[in-house]
Protein backbone atom coordinates (compact mmCIF):
# COMPACT_ATOMS: atom_id res chain seq x y z
CA MET A 1 -0.02 -0.28 -0.04
CA ASN A 2 1.41 3.10 -1.60
CA GLU A 3 0.00 6.22 1.62
CA LYS A 4 0.74 9.23 1.23
CA THR A 5 2.68 11.19 4.17
CA ILE A 6 0.74 13.88 5.95
CA LYS A 7 3.03 16.37 4.27
CA GLU A 8 2.17 15.43 1.15
CA LEU A 9 -1.54 15.45 1.53
CA ALA A 10 -0.92 19.14 3.18
CA ILE A 11 0.98 19.94 0.22
CA GLU A 12 -2.16 18.81 -1.68
CA LEU A 13 -4.58 20.10 0.18
CA THR A 14 -2.97 23.76 0.04
CA VAL A 15 -2.00 23.47 -3.14
CA GLU A 16 -5.95 23.03 -4.45
CA THR A 17 -6.75 25.25 -1.68
CA THR A 18 -5.32 28.11 -3.26
CA ALA A 19 -6.05 27.48 -6.81
CA ILE A 20 -9.72 27.58 -5.40
CA CYS A 21 -9.30 30.86 -4.07
CA ASP A 22 -7.95 32.23 -6.57
CA THR A 23 -10.88 32.10 -8.31
CA ILE A 24 -13.13 33.54 -5.25
CA LYS A 25 -13.40 37.37 -6.50
CA ASP A 26 -14.40 38.82 -3.06
CA ARG A 27 -14.20 36.99 0.96
CA SER A 28 -10.69 38.76 1.42
CA VAL A 29 -10.64 37.95 5.07
CA PHE A 30 -11.91 34.60 5.23
CA LYS A 31 -9.37 33.27 1.86
CA ASN A 32 -6.32 34.73 4.02
CA GLN A 33 -7.21 32.99 7.20
CA LEU A 34 -8.04 29.95 5.09
CA LEU A 35 -4.93 29.93 3.51
CA ARG A 36 -3.01 30.68 6.37
CA PHE A 37 -4.10 27.89 8.54
CA CYS A 38 -3.99 25.46 5.57
CA SER A 39 -0.96 26.24 4.75
CA SER A 40 0.45 25.62 8.16
CA ILE A 41 -1.05 22.29 8.74
CA GLY A 42 2.02 21.22 6.13
CA ALA A 43 4.42 23.72 8.09
CA ASN A 44 3.94 22.39 11.08
CA SER A 45 3.93 18.59 10.31
CA HIS A 46 7.45 19.38 8.56
CA GLU A 47 9.36 20.90 11.32
CA ALA A 48 8.09 18.32 13.90
CA ARG A 49 10.36 15.62 11.93
CA TYR A 50 13.38 17.47 13.73
CA ALA A 51 11.89 18.33 16.54
CA GLN A 52 14.28 18.82 19.57
CA SER A 53 12.47 16.33 21.79
CA ARG A 54 9.35 13.51 21.67
CA ALA A 55 7.88 16.50 23.61
CA ASP A 56 8.28 19.25 20.62
CA PHE A 57 7.80 16.37 18.47
CA ILE A 58 3.87 15.78 19.79
CA HIS A 59 3.86 19.84 20.56
CA LYS A 60 4.46 20.42 16.45
CA LEU A 61 1.64 17.86 15.86
CA GLU A 62 -0.92 19.21 17.98
CA ILE A 63 -0.35 22.59 16.14
CA ALA A 64 -0.66 21.42 13.02
CA LEU A 65 -3.93 19.93 14.36
CA LYS A 66 -5.37 22.71 15.45
CA GLU A 67 -4.46 23.97 12.35
CA CYS A 68 -6.60 21.18 10.56
CA TYR A 69 -9.53 22.23 12.71
CA GLU A 70 -9.08 25.53 11.95
CA THR A 71 -9.08 25.04 8.17
CA GLU A 72 -11.79 22.84 8.25
CA TYR A 73 -13.55 25.46 9.86
CA TRP A 74 -12.99 28.34 7.03
CA LEU A 75 -13.76 25.86 4.48
CA GLU A 76 -17.27 25.63 6.41
CA ILE A 77 -17.71 28.99 6.44
CA LEU A 78 -16.71 29.82 2.02
CA TYR A 79 -18.78 27.34 1.43
CA ARG A 80 -22.09 28.76 3.39
CA VAL A 81 -21.51 32.24 1.68
CA ASN A 82 -21.52 30.61 -1.41
CA SER A 83 -18.43 31.24 -2.56
CA ILE A 84 -16.94 27.34 -2.78
CA ASP A 85 -19.69 25.09 -4.18
CA LYS A 86 -20.67 21.39 -2.25
CA SER A 87 -18.32 19.25 -4.56
CA THR A 88 -15.74 21.65 -4.13
CA TYR A 89 -16.18 21.84 -0.14
CA GLU A 90 -16.82 17.99 0.69
CA LYS A 91 -13.53 17.20 -1.21
CA LEU A 92 -11.60 19.55 0.77
CA ILE A 93 -13.25 18.69 3.65
CA ASN A 94 -12.49 15.25 2.70
CA LYS A 95 -8.39 15.53 2.49
CA SER A 96 -8.80 18.09 5.29
CA GLY A 97 -10.53 14.65 7.32
CA THR A 98 -7.94 12.71 6.18
CA ILE A 99 -5.11 14.78 7.62
CA ARG A 100 -5.95 15.21 10.56
CA ARG A 101 -7.11 11.59 11.45
CA LYS A 102 -3.66 11.05 10.82
CA LEU A 103 -2.29 13.43 12.77
CA ILE A 104 -4.41 12.31 15.25
CA ALA A 105 -3.23 8.97 15.14
CA SER A 106 0.82 10.40 15.23
CA VAL A 107 0.16 12.60 18.25
CA THR A 108 -1.90 9.20 19.95
CA THR A 109 1.63 7.15 19.04
CA ALA A 110 3.88 9.31 20.09
CA LYS A 111 1.91 10.23 23.09
CA ASN A 112 1.85 6.29 23.84
CA ASN A 113 5.74 5.50 23.38
CA SER A 114 6.57 7.86 25.49
């Protein structure tokens, strides 16, 4: 099985979200928030690879998890204000959900192995 890493999924989500936000003419506050939190998922999970300790590793993954939740919030806002359609929303929410589940599993494993 060739499962994608959190980093790979986060990059895909950021690229897809950026492309979609480029097509939205208004709602700059919402778009900026979405892009900020979405891109932070991958940045924090990537940074976790070079953590100074297990606690630092867990902390960085937990930040990525929080950013993932916030990404889902801003996606829902853009969907509810009709800036993105249902299929786009569902596609991005599903990808974010996959990342979220992987982050939860990674944090749980790291905490259990402490």
